[in-house]
Amino acid sequence: TSTHPYRYAQKARILLPLLRFKRENSEKIKECLKDSFEKTIISVETQYINIKGTISYASILRELGKFYLEDNTNADYNKSANYSEKAKVIYEKMDNSNRYYYYTLRNLAKAYIGLYSKTNENAYILEALKLFNQIQKYAGSDLGSLKKEAQNNIDYCIKLL
């Protein structure tokens, strides 16, 4: 009966691998995931506001942004960008050397590319380029595949301009 956000977040974390590996009932799993994530957000925004500025909350926002980005049948680039932007702000205040910060940047840039495809507004591509360039500047060696993906997307964005 608790409304603590981690209760909902744990349910979402259990459901995410199911969605990625289980093909049957995927729509039902997506609905449960959306419900769990949204309840987590509502709980933090209304009752547990002391959690709002934590890395844990940024991680939840990052995963929710990724979820809306990767929904093959119904990607919602606006929601993905919104949640990814919120996660980015928290990571920048707390720990922007965290590798998950760079995954957040990637998700946000991809959401911007999706928004560009719907609106043809060059501002989205320019923002995506900035984010991909920021990923490229990461000094660590543990994100090689992410940096390669960022370079491919930089090339793609330049072609769009």
Protein backbone atom coordinates (compact mmCIF):
# COMPACT_ATOMS: atom_id res chain seq x y z
CA THR A 1 0.00 0.00 0.00
CA SER A 2 3.07 2.25 0.04
CA THR A 3 3.36 5.07 -2.48
CA HIS A 4 7.14 5.22 -2.18
CA PRO A 5 8.64 5.79 -5.64
CA TYR A 6 11.19 3.00 -5.36
CA ARG A 7 8.39 0.49 -5.12
CA TYR A 8 7.21 1.53 -8.57
CA ALA A 9 10.75 1.95 -9.88
CA GLN A 10 11.68 -1.60 -8.89
CA LYS A 11 8.63 -2.92 -10.70
CA ALA A 12 9.73 -1.02 -13.81
CA ARG A 13 13.27 -2.39 -13.52
CA ILE A 14 11.88 -5.91 -13.39
CA LEU A 15 9.64 -5.30 -16.41
CA LEU A 16 12.29 -3.69 -18.66
CA PRO A 17 14.20 -6.93 -19.38
CA LEU A 18 10.90 -8.71 -19.97
CA LEU A 19 9.98 -6.17 -22.61
CA ARG A 20 13.33 -6.54 -24.36
CA PHE A 21 13.35 -10.34 -24.42
CA LYS A 22 9.74 -11.49 -24.36
CA ARG A 23 7.80 -10.94 -27.56
CA GLU A 24 4.36 -12.10 -26.46
CA ASN A 25 2.33 -9.74 -24.29
CA SER A 26 4.67 -6.85 -25.14
CA GLU A 27 1.82 -4.33 -25.28
CA LYS A 28 0.65 -5.34 -21.81
CA ILE A 29 4.22 -5.12 -20.49
CA LYS A 30 4.57 -1.64 -22.07
CA GLU A 31 1.39 -0.47 -20.36
CA CYS A 32 2.60 -1.80 -17.00
CA LEU A 33 5.97 -0.11 -17.56
CA LYS A 34 4.40 3.23 -18.41
CA ASP A 35 2.19 2.95 -15.34
CA SER A 36 5.12 2.10 -13.05
CA PHE A 37 7.34 4.85 -14.41
CA GLU A 38 4.58 7.46 -14.30
CA LYS A 39 3.66 6.51 -10.73
CA THR A 40 7.32 6.83 -9.78
CA ILE A 41 7.46 10.33 -11.26
CA ILE A 42 4.20 11.42 -9.64
CA SER A 43 5.30 10.07 -6.27
CA VAL A 44 8.61 11.95 -6.41
CA GLU A 45 7.05 15.15 -7.72
CA THR A 46 4.28 15.24 -5.10
CA GLN A 47 5.28 13.33 -1.97
CA TYR A 48 8.99 12.52 -1.97
CA ILE A 49 10.44 15.76 -3.29
CA ASN A 50 13.70 15.18 -1.41
CA ILE A 51 14.48 12.49 -4.02
CA LYS A 52 14.11 14.93 -6.95
CA GLY A 53 17.76 15.94 -7.10
CA THR A 54 19.33 12.50 -6.70
CA ILE A 55 21.26 10.36 -9.16
CA SER A 56 18.67 7.62 -8.57
CA TYR A 57 15.92 9.89 -9.82
CA ALA A 58 18.05 10.93 -12.81
CA SER A 59 18.44 7.23 -13.61
CA ILE A 60 14.69 6.72 -13.54
CA LEU A 61 14.18 9.73 -15.81
CA ARG A 62 16.90 8.43 -18.15
CA GLU A 63 15.26 5.01 -18.39
CA LEU A 64 11.84 6.56 -18.97
CA GLY A 65 13.24 8.79 -21.71
CA LYS A 66 14.86 5.76 -23.31
CA PHE A 67 11.61 3.80 -23.03
CA TYR A 68 9.64 6.45 -24.93
CA LEU A 69 12.42 6.70 -27.50
CA GLU A 70 12.64 2.97 -28.18
CA ASP A 71 8.94 2.17 -28.37
CA ASN A 72 9.04 0.89 -31.95
CA THR A 73 5.30 1.06 -32.47
CA ASN A 74 4.67 4.39 -30.78
CA ALA A 75 7.84 6.40 -30.10
CA ASP A 76 7.06 9.63 -28.28
CA TYR A 77 9.95 11.99 -28.96
CA ASN A 78 8.43 14.84 -26.95
CA LYS A 79 8.18 12.74 -23.79
CA SER A 80 11.59 11.21 -24.40
CA ALA A 81 13.17 14.65 -24.76
CA ASN A 82 11.33 15.98 -21.71
CA TYR A 83 12.45 13.19 -19.38
CA SER A 84 15.97 13.11 -20.83
CA GLU A 85 16.34 16.88 -20.38
CA LYS A 86 15.30 16.59 -16.73
CA ALA A 87 17.79 13.75 -16.17
CA LYS A 88 20.54 15.77 -17.87
CA VAL A 89 19.99 18.70 -15.52
CA ILE A 90 20.23 16.48 -12.45
CA TYR A 91 23.38 14.73 -13.70
CA GLU A 92 24.98 18.10 -14.42
CA LYS A 93 24.25 19.30 -10.90
CA MET A 94 25.39 16.08 -9.24
CA ASP A 95 27.91 14.15 -11.35
CA ASN A 96 28.31 14.73 -15.06
CA SER A 97 31.32 12.41 -15.11
CA ASN A 98 28.90 9.53 -14.53
CA ARG A 99 28.84 7.36 -17.66
CA TYR A 100 25.05 7.28 -17.53
CA TYR A 101 25.10 11.02 -18.11
CA TYR A 102 26.48 10.33 -21.57
CA TYR A 103 23.78 7.76 -22.26
CA THR A 104 21.28 10.44 -21.30
CA LEU A 105 22.90 12.81 -23.80
CA ARG A 106 22.62 10.15 -26.49
CA ASN A 107 18.94 9.53 -25.72
CA LEU A 108 18.22 13.26 -25.75
CA ALA A 109 20.05 13.76 -29.05
CA LYS A 110 18.12 10.88 -30.62
CA ALA A 111 14.85 12.37 -29.35
CA TYR A 112 15.85 15.68 -30.97
CA ILE A 113 16.50 13.87 -34.27
CA GLY A 114 13.05 12.32 -33.96
CA LEU A 115 11.53 15.74 -33.31
CA TYR A 116 13.38 17.09 -36.33
CA SER A 117 11.85 14.35 -38.49
CA LYS A 118 8.40 15.50 -37.38
CA THR A 119 8.94 19.27 -37.59
CA ASN A 120 11.90 19.88 -39.96
CA GLU A 121 13.17 22.51 -37.50
CA ASN A 122 16.96 22.75 -37.84
CA ALA A 123 17.27 23.79 -34.18
CA TYR A 124 16.71 20.17 -33.16
CA ILE A 125 19.53 18.93 -35.39
CA LEU A 126 21.86 21.64 -34.09
CA GLU A 127 21.11 20.65 -30.49
CA ALA A 128 21.63 16.98 -31.34
CA LEU A 129 25.01 17.84 -32.88
CA LYS A 130 26.06 19.67 -29.70
CA LEU A 131 25.12 16.65 -27.59
CA PHE A 132 26.90 14.15 -29.84
CA ASN A 133 29.99 16.38 -29.81
CA GLN A 134 29.85 16.45 -26.02
CA ILE A 135 29.85 12.64 -26.00
CA GLN A 136 32.88 12.68 -28.32
CA LYS A 137 34.76 14.82 -25.79
CA TYR A 138 34.37 12.21 -23.04
CA ALA A 139 37.89 11.32 -21.91
CA GLY A 140 37.22 7.84 -20.55
CA SER A 141 37.87 4.68 -22.55
CA ASP A 142 34.82 2.77 -21.30
CA LEU A 143 32.34 4.30 -23.77
CA GLY A 144 33.99 3.39 -27.06
CA SER A 145 30.84 2.07 -28.72
CA LEU A 146 28.84 5.08 -27.55
CA LYS A 147 31.47 7.43 -28.98
CA LYS A 148 31.42 5.53 -32.28
CA GLU A 149 27.62 5.77 -32.36
CA ALA A 150 27.90 9.50 -31.65
CA GLN A 151 30.32 9.96 -34.55
CA ASN A 152 27.96 8.13 -36.92
CA ASN A 153 25.12 10.36 -35.75
CA ILE A 154 27.22 13.48 -36.18
CA ASP A 155 27.78 12.49 -39.80
CA TYR A 156 24.06 11.82 -40.20
CA CYS A 157 23.07 15.19 -38.68
CA ILE A 158 25.51 17.06 -40.92
CA LYS A 159 23.93 15.43 -43.97
CA LEU A 160 20.51 16.62 -42.80
CA LEU A 161 21.68 20.21 -42.63
